[in-house]
């Protein structure tokens, strides 16, 4: 999957994802953690105001490509680790921002992952996210997502079609949530429903 990931998402990157990444990441500063960094698609969108950037990616094939992108970048403030989102061996309140783009659909336990991310954020820190989700406002599409999901998880490295990520963010204890529902242009209908925005950890 790592080998073909960038080419597989190129159409939707051109249609909408690149713009959303620019909007979400362009004003970040301070210390930033990104989970599930994959092939490093987000790298070019981080501004110079970021002091420290920690990229985590548990898949060794993805890390191989990610490491090449880090070496080719003009940034000297990046480190890489292999942590899974559910267990990140870093101190409490280490980051001003945590970034998750197209990751929470495939983690083993999304609620545990979100709780871990909240632990790592400093007071008033923000979770920046862009995720495809269950089509809760389209019952017919949601039924199809449920039917296809077992097969989809098998071919898509545990990618779930019916995650209710916004509800899970609330359950994890984030208490200032600014989420926008959007549609991934050019993507298959099953993964078109998206959310993007921020969730803040209040003091």
N, C-alpha and C. Protein backbone atom coordinates (compact mmCIF):
# COMPACT_ATOMS: atom_id res chain seq x y z
N UNK A 1 0.82 -1.20 0.00
CA UNK A 1 0.00 0.00 0.00
C UNK A 1 0.86 1.26 0.00
N UNK A 2 1.96 1.25 0.74
CA UNK A 2 2.83 2.42 0.83
C UNK A 2 3.32 2.85 -0.55
N UNK A 3 3.66 1.86 -1.37
CA UNK A 3 4.21 2.13 -2.70
C UNK A 3 3.24 2.89 -3.59
N UNK A 4 1.94 2.60 -3.43
CA UNK A 4 0.94 3.17 -4.33
C UNK A 4 0.09 4.25 -3.68
N UNK A 5 0.37 4.56 -2.41
CA UNK A 5 -0.52 5.47 -1.67
C UNK A 5 -0.62 6.85 -2.32
N UNK A 6 0.50 7.46 -2.63
CA UNK A 6 0.48 8.82 -3.17
C UNK A 6 -0.26 8.90 -4.49
N UNK A 7 -0.02 7.93 -5.38
CA UNK A 7 -0.71 7.94 -6.67
C UNK A 7 -2.19 7.64 -6.51
N UNK A 8 -2.55 6.84 -5.51
CA UNK A 8 -3.95 6.50 -5.29
C UNK A 8 -4.78 7.69 -4.83
N UNK A 9 -4.16 8.61 -4.09
CA UNK A 9 -4.92 9.75 -3.57
C UNK A 9 -4.66 11.03 -4.36
N UNK A 10 -3.91 10.95 -5.45
CA UNK A 10 -3.55 12.16 -6.19
C UNK A 10 -4.77 12.95 -6.66
N UNK A 11 -5.79 12.26 -7.15
CA UNK A 11 -6.97 12.95 -7.67
C UNK A 11 -7.66 13.76 -6.58
N UNK A 12 -7.87 13.14 -5.42
CA UNK A 12 -8.56 13.87 -4.34
C UNK A 12 -7.65 14.91 -3.70
N UNK A 13 -6.33 14.69 -3.75
CA UNK A 13 -5.41 15.73 -3.30
C UNK A 13 -5.58 16.98 -4.15
N UNK A 14 -5.61 16.79 -5.45
CA UNK A 14 -5.76 17.93 -6.36
C UNK A 14 -7.12 18.60 -6.20
N UNK A 15 -8.15 17.79 -5.97
CA UNK A 15 -9.52 18.32 -5.90
C UNK A 15 -9.81 19.08 -4.61
N UNK A 16 -9.27 18.59 -3.47
CA UNK A 16 -9.67 19.22 -2.20
C UNK A 16 -8.69 19.02 -1.05
N UNK A 17 -8.06 17.87 -0.94
CA UNK A 17 -7.26 17.58 0.25
C UNK A 17 -6.09 18.54 0.43
N UNK A 18 -5.43 18.88 -0.67
CA UNK A 18 -4.28 19.78 -0.55
C UNK A 18 -4.71 21.14 -0.01
N UNK A 19 -5.85 21.63 -0.46
CA UNK A 19 -6.35 22.91 0.04
C UNK A 19 -6.68 22.82 1.52
N UNK A 20 -7.32 21.73 1.93
CA UNK A 20 -7.68 21.57 3.34
C UNK A 20 -6.43 21.44 4.21
N UNK A 21 -5.42 20.72 3.72
CA UNK A 21 -4.17 20.60 4.48
C UNK A 21 -3.54 21.98 4.67
N UNK A 22 -3.54 22.77 3.61
CA UNK A 22 -2.96 24.12 3.68
C UNK A 22 -3.70 24.97 4.71
N UNK A 23 -5.03 24.89 4.70
CA UNK A 23 -5.84 25.67 5.63
C UNK A 23 -5.62 25.24 7.08
N UNK A 24 -5.54 23.93 7.30
CA UNK A 24 -5.44 23.40 8.66
C UNK A 24 -4.04 23.55 9.26
N UNK A 25 -3.01 23.45 8.43
CA UNK A 25 -1.64 23.39 8.95
C UNK A 25 -0.85 24.69 8.79
N UNK A 26 -1.32 25.57 7.96
CA UNK A 26 -0.54 26.73 7.56
C UNK A 26 -0.23 27.72 8.66
N UNK A 27 -1.01 27.71 9.75
CA UNK A 27 -0.81 28.68 10.82
C UNK A 27 -0.31 28.05 12.12
N UNK A 28 0.15 26.81 12.06
CA UNK A 28 0.62 26.15 13.28
C UNK A 28 1.96 26.73 13.73
N UNK A 29 2.22 26.59 15.03
CA UNK A 29 3.48 27.07 15.59
C UNK A 29 3.84 26.24 16.81
N UNK A 30 5.02 26.46 17.35
CA UNK A 30 5.41 25.73 18.55
C UNK A 30 5.77 24.29 18.27
N UNK A 31 5.41 23.40 19.20
CA UNK A 31 5.75 21.98 19.12
C UNK A 31 4.55 21.19 18.60
N UNK A 32 4.79 20.40 17.56
CA UNK A 32 3.71 19.70 16.85
C UNK A 32 4.01 18.21 16.77
N UNK A 33 2.99 17.41 17.04
CA UNK A 33 3.04 15.95 16.85
C UNK A 33 2.07 15.59 15.74
N UNK A 34 2.51 14.78 14.80
CA UNK A 34 1.62 14.24 13.78
C UNK A 34 1.58 12.73 13.90
N UNK A 35 0.38 12.16 14.01
CA UNK A 35 0.24 10.71 14.08
C UNK A 35 -0.05 10.16 12.68
N UNK A 36 0.36 8.91 12.47
CA UNK A 36 0.08 8.26 11.19
C UNK A 36 0.55 9.07 10.00
N UNK A 37 1.80 9.47 10.02
CA UNK A 37 2.30 10.41 9.01
C UNK A 37 2.41 9.82 7.62
N UNK A 38 2.32 8.50 7.51
CA UNK A 38 2.30 7.85 6.20
C UNK A 38 3.54 8.17 5.38
N UNK A 39 3.33 8.63 4.15
CA UNK A 39 4.44 8.94 3.25
C UNK A 39 4.91 10.38 3.39
N UNK A 40 4.35 11.13 4.33
CA UNK A 40 4.81 12.50 4.56
C UNK A 40 4.12 13.54 3.71
N UNK A 41 2.88 13.28 3.33
CA UNK A 41 2.14 14.21 2.47
C UNK A 41 2.01 15.59 3.12
N UNK A 42 1.89 15.63 4.44
CA UNK A 42 1.67 16.91 5.12
C UNK A 42 2.93 17.77 5.23
N UNK A 43 4.09 17.19 5.02
CA UNK A 43 5.35 17.87 5.33
C UNK A 43 5.45 19.28 4.74
N UNK A 44 5.09 19.40 3.48
CA UNK A 44 5.31 20.69 2.80
C UNK A 44 4.37 21.79 3.27
N UNK A 45 3.35 21.42 4.07
CA UNK A 45 2.37 22.42 4.51
C UNK A 45 2.70 23.02 5.88
N UNK A 46 3.69 22.48 6.57
CA UNK A 46 4.05 23.02 7.87
C UNK A 46 4.87 24.29 7.71
N UNK A 47 4.49 25.36 8.40
CA UNK A 47 5.21 26.63 8.27
C UNK A 47 6.49 26.67 9.10
N UNK A 48 7.28 27.70 8.89
CA UNK A 48 8.53 27.86 9.61
C UNK A 48 8.31 28.20 11.08
N UNK A 49 7.09 28.57 11.44
CA UNK A 49 6.79 28.90 12.83
C UNK A 49 6.72 27.66 13.72
N UNK A 50 6.72 26.47 13.13
CA UNK A 50 6.78 25.23 13.92
C UNK A 50 8.19 25.07 14.46
N UNK A 51 8.31 24.94 15.77
CA UNK A 51 9.60 24.82 16.44
C UNK A 51 10.13 23.39 16.38
N UNK A 52 9.25 22.44 16.68
CA UNK A 52 9.63 21.02 16.70
C UNK A 52 8.49 20.22 16.08
N UNK A 53 8.83 19.29 15.20
CA UNK A 53 7.84 18.46 14.53
C UNK A 53 8.20 16.99 14.73
N UNK A 54 7.33 16.26 15.43
CA UNK A 54 7.53 14.83 15.66
C UNK A 54 6.52 14.07 14.81
N UNK A 55 7.02 13.21 13.94
CA UNK A 55 6.18 12.41 13.05
C UNK A 55 6.17 10.97 13.53
N UNK A 56 4.98 10.39 13.70
CA UNK A 56 4.90 8.99 14.09
C UNK A 56 4.26 8.18 12.97
N UNK A 57 4.80 7.00 12.72
CA UNK A 57 4.26 6.11 11.68
C UNK A 57 4.66 4.67 12.02
N UNK A 58 3.68 3.81 12.36
CA UNK A 58 4.01 2.44 12.77
C UNK A 58 4.36 1.50 11.62
N UNK A 59 3.96 1.82 10.39
CA UNK A 59 4.21 0.92 9.26
C UNK A 59 5.61 1.15 8.69
N UNK A 60 6.40 0.08 8.64
CA UNK A 60 7.80 0.22 8.23
C UNK A 60 7.93 0.64 6.76
N UNK A 61 7.03 0.18 5.90
CA UNK A 61 7.09 0.56 4.49
C UNK A 61 6.78 2.04 4.30
N UNK A 62 5.78 2.53 5.04
CA UNK A 62 5.48 3.95 5.01
C UNK A 62 6.66 4.76 5.56
N UNK A 63 7.27 4.28 6.65
CA UNK A 63 8.39 5.00 7.25
C UNK A 63 9.56 5.13 6.29
N UNK A 64 9.76 4.13 5.45
CA UNK A 64 10.86 4.17 4.48
C UNK A 64 10.69 5.36 3.54
N UNK A 65 9.47 5.54 3.04
CA UNK A 65 9.17 6.67 2.14
C UNK A 65 9.20 7.98 2.92
N UNK A 66 8.63 7.96 4.12
CA UNK A 66 8.60 9.15 4.97
C UNK A 66 10.01 9.65 5.26
N UNK A 67 10.91 8.74 5.56
CA UNK A 67 12.28 9.12 5.88
C UNK A 67 12.96 9.81 4.69
N UNK A 68 12.68 9.33 3.48
CA UNK A 68 13.23 9.97 2.29
C UNK A 68 12.69 11.38 2.14
N UNK A 69 11.41 11.55 2.43
CA UNK A 69 10.81 12.89 2.32
C UNK A 69 11.40 13.85 3.36
N UNK A 70 11.65 13.33 4.53
CA UNK A 70 12.26 14.17 5.57
C UNK A 70 13.65 14.61 5.13
N UNK A 71 14.43 13.67 4.58
CA UNK A 71 15.79 13.98 4.13
C UNK A 71 15.78 14.99 2.99
N UNK A 72 14.75 14.95 2.15
CA UNK A 72 14.66 15.86 1.00
C UNK A 72 14.08 17.23 1.37
N UNK A 73 13.49 17.33 2.55
CA UNK A 73 12.86 18.59 2.95
C UNK A 73 13.93 19.60 3.39
N UNK A 74 13.50 20.86 3.50
CA UNK A 74 14.41 21.91 3.94
C UNK A 74 14.29 22.17 5.44
N UNK A 75 13.63 21.23 6.14
CA UNK A 75 13.38 21.41 7.57
C UNK A 75 14.40 20.60 8.39
N UNK A 76 14.91 21.21 9.45
CA UNK A 76 15.89 20.53 10.29
C UNK A 76 15.36 20.32 11.71
N UNK A 77 14.03 20.44 11.86
CA UNK A 77 13.42 20.34 13.20
C UNK A 77 12.53 19.11 13.32
N UNK A 78 12.77 18.08 12.50
CA UNK A 78 11.88 16.93 12.42
C UNK A 78 12.53 15.71 13.04
N UNK A 79 11.74 14.96 13.81
CA UNK A 79 12.15 13.64 14.27
C UNK A 79 11.04 12.65 13.94
N UNK A 80 11.38 11.37 13.85
CA UNK A 80 10.42 10.35 13.45
C UNK A 80 10.42 9.21 14.46
N UNK A 81 9.24 8.66 14.73
CA UNK A 81 9.11 7.54 15.67
C UNK A 81 8.09 6.54 15.12
N UNK A 82 8.06 5.35 15.69
CA UNK A 82 7.21 4.27 15.16
C UNK A 82 5.95 4.04 15.99
N UNK A 83 5.61 4.96 16.90
CA UNK A 83 4.50 4.74 17.83
C UNK A 83 3.16 4.52 17.12
N UNK A 84 2.35 3.63 17.72
CA UNK A 84 0.93 3.55 17.39
C UNK A 84 0.20 4.64 18.15
N UNK A 85 -0.92 5.10 17.61
CA UNK A 85 -1.63 6.24 18.21
C UNK A 85 -2.15 5.94 19.61
N UNK A 86 -2.42 4.66 19.90
CA UNK A 86 -2.96 4.31 21.21
C UNK A 86 -1.93 4.39 22.33
N UNK A 87 -0.66 4.36 21.98
CA UNK A 87 0.40 4.35 23.00
C UNK A 87 1.63 5.08 22.48
N UNK A 88 1.79 6.32 22.92
CA UNK A 88 2.90 7.16 22.47
C UNK A 88 3.77 7.48 23.68
N UNK A 89 4.95 6.95 23.69
CA UNK A 89 5.82 7.04 24.86
C UNK A 89 6.53 8.39 24.94
N UNK A 90 5.73 9.42 25.18
CA UNK A 90 6.24 10.78 25.35
C UNK A 90 5.56 11.40 26.56
N UNK A 91 6.17 12.40 27.20
CA UNK A 91 5.60 12.96 28.42
C UNK A 91 4.27 13.68 28.20
N UNK A 92 3.49 13.76 29.27
CA UNK A 92 2.25 14.54 29.26
C UNK A 92 2.54 15.98 28.83
N UNK A 93 1.56 16.56 28.16
CA UNK A 93 1.58 17.99 27.82
C UNK A 93 2.87 18.40 27.10
N UNK A 94 3.22 17.61 26.07
CA UNK A 94 4.46 17.87 25.33
C UNK A 94 4.26 18.75 24.10
N UNK A 95 3.00 18.92 23.66
CA UNK A 95 2.79 19.54 22.36
C UNK A 95 1.71 20.62 22.40
N UNK A 96 1.90 21.59 21.52
CA UNK A 96 0.90 22.64 21.33
C UNK A 96 -0.20 22.18 20.36
N UNK A 97 0.18 21.34 19.43
CA UNK A 97 -0.78 20.82 18.43
C UNK A 97 -0.51 19.34 18.19
N UNK A 98 -1.58 18.59 17.94
CA UNK A 98 -1.48 17.23 17.43
C UNK A 98 -2.26 17.17 16.13
N UNK A 99 -1.68 16.58 15.10
CA UNK A 99 -2.28 16.54 13.77
C UNK A 99 -2.66 15.10 13.42
N UNK A 100 -3.89 14.94 12.93
CA UNK A 100 -4.36 13.63 12.46
C UNK A 100 -5.11 13.82 11.16
N UNK A 101 -4.54 13.35 10.05
CA UNK A 101 -5.21 13.47 8.76
C UNK A 101 -5.35 12.07 8.14
N UNK A 102 -6.58 11.64 8.01
CA UNK A 102 -6.90 10.33 7.42
C UNK A 102 -6.20 9.19 8.18
N UNK A 103 -6.32 9.25 9.51
CA UNK A 103 -5.65 8.27 10.37
C UNK A 103 -6.65 7.56 11.29
N UNK A 104 -7.55 8.29 11.90
CA UNK A 104 -8.44 7.72 12.93
C UNK A 104 -9.40 6.68 12.37
N UNK A 105 -9.53 6.60 11.07
CA UNK A 105 -10.35 5.56 10.46
C UNK A 105 -9.71 4.18 10.61
N UNK A 106 -8.40 4.14 10.80
CA UNK A 106 -7.71 2.85 10.76
C UNK A 106 -7.00 2.45 12.05
N UNK A 107 -6.99 3.31 13.07
CA UNK A 107 -6.38 2.91 14.34
C UNK A 107 -7.21 1.81 14.98
N UNK A 108 -6.57 0.98 15.81
CA UNK A 108 -7.29 -0.14 16.41
C UNK A 108 -8.36 0.31 17.38
N UNK A 109 -8.06 1.32 18.18
CA UNK A 109 -9.02 1.80 19.16
C UNK A 109 -9.05 3.33 19.11
N UNK A 110 -10.01 3.90 18.38
CA UNK A 110 -10.01 5.36 18.20
C UNK A 110 -10.22 6.15 19.49
N UNK A 111 -11.02 5.64 20.41
CA UNK A 111 -11.24 6.38 21.66
C UNK A 111 -9.97 6.40 22.50
N UNK A 112 -9.30 5.27 22.62
CA UNK A 112 -8.02 5.23 23.34
C UNK A 112 -6.99 6.14 22.68
N UNK A 113 -6.99 6.17 21.35
CA UNK A 113 -6.05 7.02 20.62
C UNK A 113 -6.32 8.49 20.91
N UNK A 114 -7.58 8.89 20.87
CA UNK A 114 -7.92 10.28 21.12
C UNK A 114 -7.62 10.68 22.57
N UNK A 115 -7.84 9.77 23.49
CA UNK A 115 -7.49 10.04 24.89
C UNK A 115 -6.00 10.24 25.05
N UNK A 116 -5.21 9.44 24.34
CA UNK A 116 -3.76 9.57 24.37
C UNK A 116 -3.32 10.91 23.77
N UNK A 117 -3.95 11.32 22.68
CA UNK A 117 -3.59 12.58 22.06
C UNK A 117 -3.92 13.75 22.99
N UNK A 118 -5.04 13.66 23.67
CA UNK A 118 -5.41 14.71 24.63
C UNK A 118 -4.38 14.79 25.75
N UNK A 119 -3.89 13.65 26.21
CA UNK A 119 -2.86 13.63 27.26
C UNK A 119 -1.61 14.37 26.82
N UNK A 120 -1.26 14.25 25.56
CA UNK A 120 -0.02 14.83 25.06
C UNK A 120 -0.12 16.33 24.78
N UNK A 121 -1.34 16.84 24.72
CA UNK A 121 -1.52 18.27 24.45
C UNK A 121 -1.37 19.11 25.71
N UNK A 122 -0.76 20.26 25.54
CA UNK A 122 -0.69 21.23 26.62
C UNK A 122 -2.06 21.88 26.83
N UNK A 123 -2.28 22.52 27.98
CA UNK A 123 -3.54 23.25 28.18
C UNK A 123 -3.78 24.23 27.04
N UNK A 124 -4.99 24.20 26.52
CA UNK A 124 -5.40 25.01 25.36
C UNK A 124 -4.78 24.54 24.05
N UNK A 125 -4.11 23.39 24.08
CA UNK A 125 -3.58 22.81 22.85
C UNK A 125 -4.71 22.30 21.97
N UNK A 126 -4.40 22.10 20.69
CA UNK A 126 -5.44 21.75 19.72
C UNK A 126 -5.11 20.48 18.94
N UNK A 127 -6.13 19.66 18.77
CA UNK A 127 -6.08 18.54 17.84
C UNK A 127 -6.57 19.06 16.48
N UNK A 128 -5.74 18.93 15.46
CA UNK A 128 -6.08 19.35 14.10
C UNK A 128 -6.40 18.08 13.31
N UNK A 129 -7.59 18.02 12.73
CA UNK A 129 -7.97 16.75 12.11
C UNK A 129 -8.68 16.92 10.79
N UNK A 130 -8.55 15.89 9.99
CA UNK A 130 -9.23 15.75 8.70
C UNK A 130 -9.44 14.25 8.50
N UNK A 131 -10.69 13.80 8.62
CA UNK A 131 -10.96 12.36 8.65
C UNK A 131 -12.22 12.02 7.87
N UNK A 132 -12.22 10.86 7.20
CA UNK A 132 -13.48 10.41 6.60
C UNK A 132 -14.26 9.61 7.65
N UNK A 133 -15.59 9.71 7.59
CA UNK A 133 -16.44 9.25 8.68
C UNK A 133 -17.70 8.56 8.15
N UNK A 134 -18.50 8.06 9.09
CA UNK A 134 -19.78 7.44 8.76
C UNK A 134 -20.73 8.48 8.16
N UNK A 135 -21.53 8.05 7.21
CA UNK A 135 -22.50 8.94 6.55
C UNK A 135 -23.78 9.00 7.38
N UNK A 136 -23.69 9.58 8.56
CA UNK A 136 -24.82 9.60 9.49
C UNK A 136 -26.03 10.35 8.95
N UNK A 137 -25.80 11.31 8.05
CA UNK A 137 -26.92 12.08 7.50
C UNK A 137 -27.42 11.53 6.16
N UNK A 138 -26.96 10.34 5.80
CA UNK A 138 -27.38 9.69 4.55
C UNK A 138 -27.60 8.21 4.84
N UNK A 139 -28.80 7.82 5.31
CA UNK A 139 -29.05 6.44 5.74
C UNK A 139 -28.74 5.40 4.67
N UNK A 140 -29.04 5.70 3.42
CA UNK A 140 -28.79 4.73 2.36
C UNK A 140 -27.29 4.48 2.19
N UNK A 141 -26.51 5.57 2.17
CA UNK A 141 -25.06 5.43 2.04
C UNK A 141 -24.48 4.75 3.28
N UNK A 142 -24.99 5.09 4.45
CA UNK A 142 -24.51 4.47 5.69
C UNK A 142 -24.74 2.96 5.66
N UNK A 143 -25.89 2.52 5.15
CA UNK A 143 -26.15 1.08 5.03
C UNK A 143 -25.13 0.41 4.12
N UNK A 144 -24.78 1.09 3.02
CA UNK A 144 -23.77 0.53 2.13
C UNK A 144 -22.39 0.51 2.79
N UNK A 145 -22.08 1.53 3.56
CA UNK A 145 -20.82 1.54 4.29
C UNK A 145 -20.74 0.34 5.23
N UNK A 146 -21.83 0.05 5.92
CA UNK A 146 -21.85 -1.07 6.86
C UNK A 146 -21.69 -2.40 6.13
N UNK A 147 -22.31 -2.53 4.96
CA UNK A 147 -22.21 -3.78 4.20
C UNK A 147 -20.79 -4.02 3.70
N UNK A 148 -20.17 -2.96 3.21
CA UNK A 148 -18.87 -3.09 2.55
C UNK A 148 -17.71 -3.09 3.54
N UNK A 149 -17.94 -2.56 4.74
CA UNK A 149 -16.84 -2.34 5.68
C UNK A 149 -15.98 -3.58 5.97
N UNK A 150 -16.53 -4.77 6.19
CA UNK A 150 -15.66 -5.92 6.48
C UNK A 150 -14.62 -6.17 5.39
N UNK A 151 -15.05 -6.07 4.13
CA UNK A 151 -14.12 -6.25 3.02
C UNK A 151 -13.17 -5.07 2.91
N UNK A 152 -13.71 -3.86 3.11
CA UNK A 152 -12.91 -2.64 3.01
C UNK A 152 -11.76 -2.65 4.03
N UNK A 153 -12.05 -3.09 5.25
CA UNK A 153 -11.01 -3.17 6.28
C UNK A 153 -9.90 -4.13 5.86
N UNK A 154 -10.28 -5.19 5.21
CA UNK A 154 -9.32 -6.21 4.81
C UNK A 154 -8.37 -5.69 3.74
N UNK A 155 -8.91 -4.97 2.75
CA UNK A 155 -8.05 -4.48 1.66
C UNK A 155 -7.40 -3.13 2.01
N UNK A 156 -7.96 -2.43 3.00
CA UNK A 156 -7.51 -1.07 3.30
C UNK A 156 -6.77 -0.91 4.61
N UNK A 157 -6.08 -1.96 5.06
CA UNK A 157 -5.23 -1.85 6.26
C UNK A 157 -6.02 -1.35 7.46
N UNK A 158 -7.16 -1.99 7.72
CA UNK A 158 -8.02 -1.72 8.87
C UNK A 158 -8.78 -0.39 8.76
N UNK A 159 -8.90 0.15 7.57
CA UNK A 159 -9.67 1.37 7.37
C UNK A 159 -11.16 1.09 7.56
N UNK A 160 -11.78 1.81 8.50
CA UNK A 160 -13.21 1.67 8.79
C UNK A 160 -14.01 2.75 8.06
N UNK A 161 -15.18 2.38 7.57
CA UNK A 161 -16.04 3.32 6.87
C UNK A 161 -17.06 3.97 7.78
N UNK A 162 -17.29 3.42 8.96
CA UNK A 162 -18.43 3.86 9.78
C UNK A 162 -18.00 4.46 11.13
N UNK A 163 -16.80 4.97 11.21
CA UNK A 163 -16.35 5.59 12.46
C UNK A 163 -17.11 6.90 12.69
N UNK A 164 -17.61 7.07 13.90
CA UNK A 164 -18.30 8.30 14.29
C UNK A 164 -17.30 9.16 15.08
N UNK A 165 -16.36 9.70 14.36
CA UNK A 165 -15.18 10.31 14.97
C UNK A 165 -15.51 11.55 15.79
N UNK A 166 -16.45 12.35 15.34
CA UNK A 166 -16.80 13.55 16.11
C UNK A 166 -17.34 13.19 17.49
N UNK A 167 -18.17 12.17 17.57
CA UNK A 167 -18.69 11.71 18.87
C UNK A 167 -17.56 11.19 19.75
N UNK A 168 -16.62 10.48 19.15
CA UNK A 168 -15.49 9.95 19.91
C UNK A 168 -14.60 11.07 20.45
N UNK A 169 -14.45 12.14 19.70
CA UNK A 169 -13.68 13.30 20.16
C UNK A 169 -14.31 13.87 21.43
N UNK A 170 -15.62 13.96 21.44
CA UNK A 170 -16.33 14.46 22.62
C UNK A 170 -16.16 13.50 23.79
N UNK A 171 -16.25 12.20 23.52
CA UNK A 171 -16.09 11.20 24.59
C UNK A 171 -14.69 11.26 25.19
N UNK A 172 -13.70 11.61 24.39
CA UNK A 172 -12.32 11.67 24.87
C UNK A 172 -12.06 12.88 25.76
N UNK A 173 -13.02 13.81 25.83
CA UNK A 173 -12.90 14.92 26.75
C UNK A 173 -12.49 16.25 26.15
N UNK A 174 -12.40 16.32 24.83
CA UNK A 174 -12.16 17.62 24.20
C UNK A 174 -13.43 18.46 24.37
N UNK A 175 -13.28 19.69 24.81
CA UNK A 175 -14.47 20.45 25.17
C UNK A 175 -14.62 21.77 24.42
N UNK A 176 -13.88 21.95 23.36
CA UNK A 176 -14.10 23.07 22.44
C UNK A 176 -13.86 22.54 21.04
N UNK A 177 -14.92 22.23 20.34
CA UNK A 177 -14.82 21.50 19.08
C UNK A 177 -15.42 22.33 17.95
N UNK A 178 -14.61 22.59 16.94
CA UNK A 178 -15.06 23.33 15.76
C UNK A 178 -14.84 22.43 14.54
N UNK A 179 -15.88 21.69 14.21
CA UNK A 179 -15.80 20.69 13.15
C UNK A 179 -16.74 21.06 12.01
N UNK A 180 -16.24 20.89 10.80
CA UNK A 180 -17.03 21.15 9.59
C UNK A 180 -17.21 19.84 8.83
N UNK A 181 -18.44 19.57 8.40
CA UNK A 181 -18.70 18.41 7.57
C UNK A 181 -18.49 18.79 6.11
N UNK A 182 -17.68 18.01 5.41
CA UNK A 182 -17.36 18.28 4.02
C UNK A 182 -17.42 16.98 3.22
N UNK A 183 -17.27 17.10 1.91
CA UNK A 183 -17.28 15.93 1.03
C UNK A 183 -15.96 15.86 0.27
N UNK A 184 -15.36 14.68 0.25
CA UNK A 184 -14.09 14.49 -0.43
C UNK A 184 -14.34 14.37 -1.93
N UNK A 185 -14.06 15.44 -2.65
CA UNK A 185 -14.38 15.52 -4.08
C UNK A 185 -13.54 14.55 -4.90
N UNK A 186 -14.23 13.76 -5.72
CA UNK A 186 -13.53 12.82 -6.58
C UNK A 186 -13.26 11.47 -5.95
N UNK A 187 -13.65 11.30 -4.69
CA UNK A 187 -13.44 10.03 -3.98
C UNK A 187 -14.63 9.10 -4.19
N UNK A 188 -14.47 7.80 -3.99
CA UNK A 188 -15.62 6.90 -4.01
C UNK A 188 -16.65 7.33 -2.98
N UNK A 189 -17.92 7.12 -3.28
CA UNK A 189 -19.01 7.57 -2.40
C UNK A 189 -18.83 7.08 -0.96
N UNK A 190 -18.31 5.87 -0.80
CA UNK A 190 -18.19 5.27 0.53
C UNK A 190 -17.29 6.07 1.46
N UNK A 191 -16.33 6.82 0.91
CA UNK A 191 -15.41 7.58 1.75
C UNK A 191 -15.55 9.09 1.56
N UNK A 192 -16.57 9.52 0.86
CA UNK A 192 -16.77 10.96 0.63
C UNK A 192 -17.08 11.75 1.90
N UNK A 193 -17.89 11.21 2.83
CA UNK A 193 -18.22 12.01 4.02
C UNK A 193 -16.97 12.25 4.87
N UNK A 194 -16.70 13.53 5.13
CA UNK A 194 -15.50 13.92 5.86
C UNK A 194 -15.85 14.92 6.96
N UNK A 195 -14.96 15.00 7.94
CA UNK A 195 -14.98 16.12 8.89
C UNK A 195 -13.58 16.72 8.92
N UNK A 196 -13.52 18.03 9.15
CA UNK A 196 -12.23 18.69 9.30
C UNK A 196 -12.39 19.84 10.29
N UNK A 197 -11.31 20.15 10.98
CA UNK A 197 -11.38 21.24 11.93
C UNK A 197 -10.46 21.05 13.11
N UNK A 198 -10.87 21.60 14.26
CA UNK A 198 -10.04 21.55 15.46
C UNK A 198 -10.86 21.11 16.66
N UNK A 199 -10.17 20.50 17.61
CA UNK A 199 -10.75 20.18 18.92
C UNK A 199 -9.73 20.62 19.97
N UNK A 200 -10.15 21.45 20.88
CA UNK A 200 -9.22 22.05 21.84
C UNK A 200 -9.30 21.39 23.21
N UNK A 201 -8.15 21.29 23.83
CA UNK A 201 -8.06 20.81 25.20
C UNK A 201 -8.03 22.02 26.13
N UNK A 202 -9.14 22.27 26.78
CA UNK A 202 -9.22 23.41 27.68
C UNK A 202 -8.55 23.10 29.02
N UNK A 203 -8.12 24.13 29.71
CA UNK A 203 -7.51 23.95 31.03
C UNK A 203 -8.56 23.56 32.04
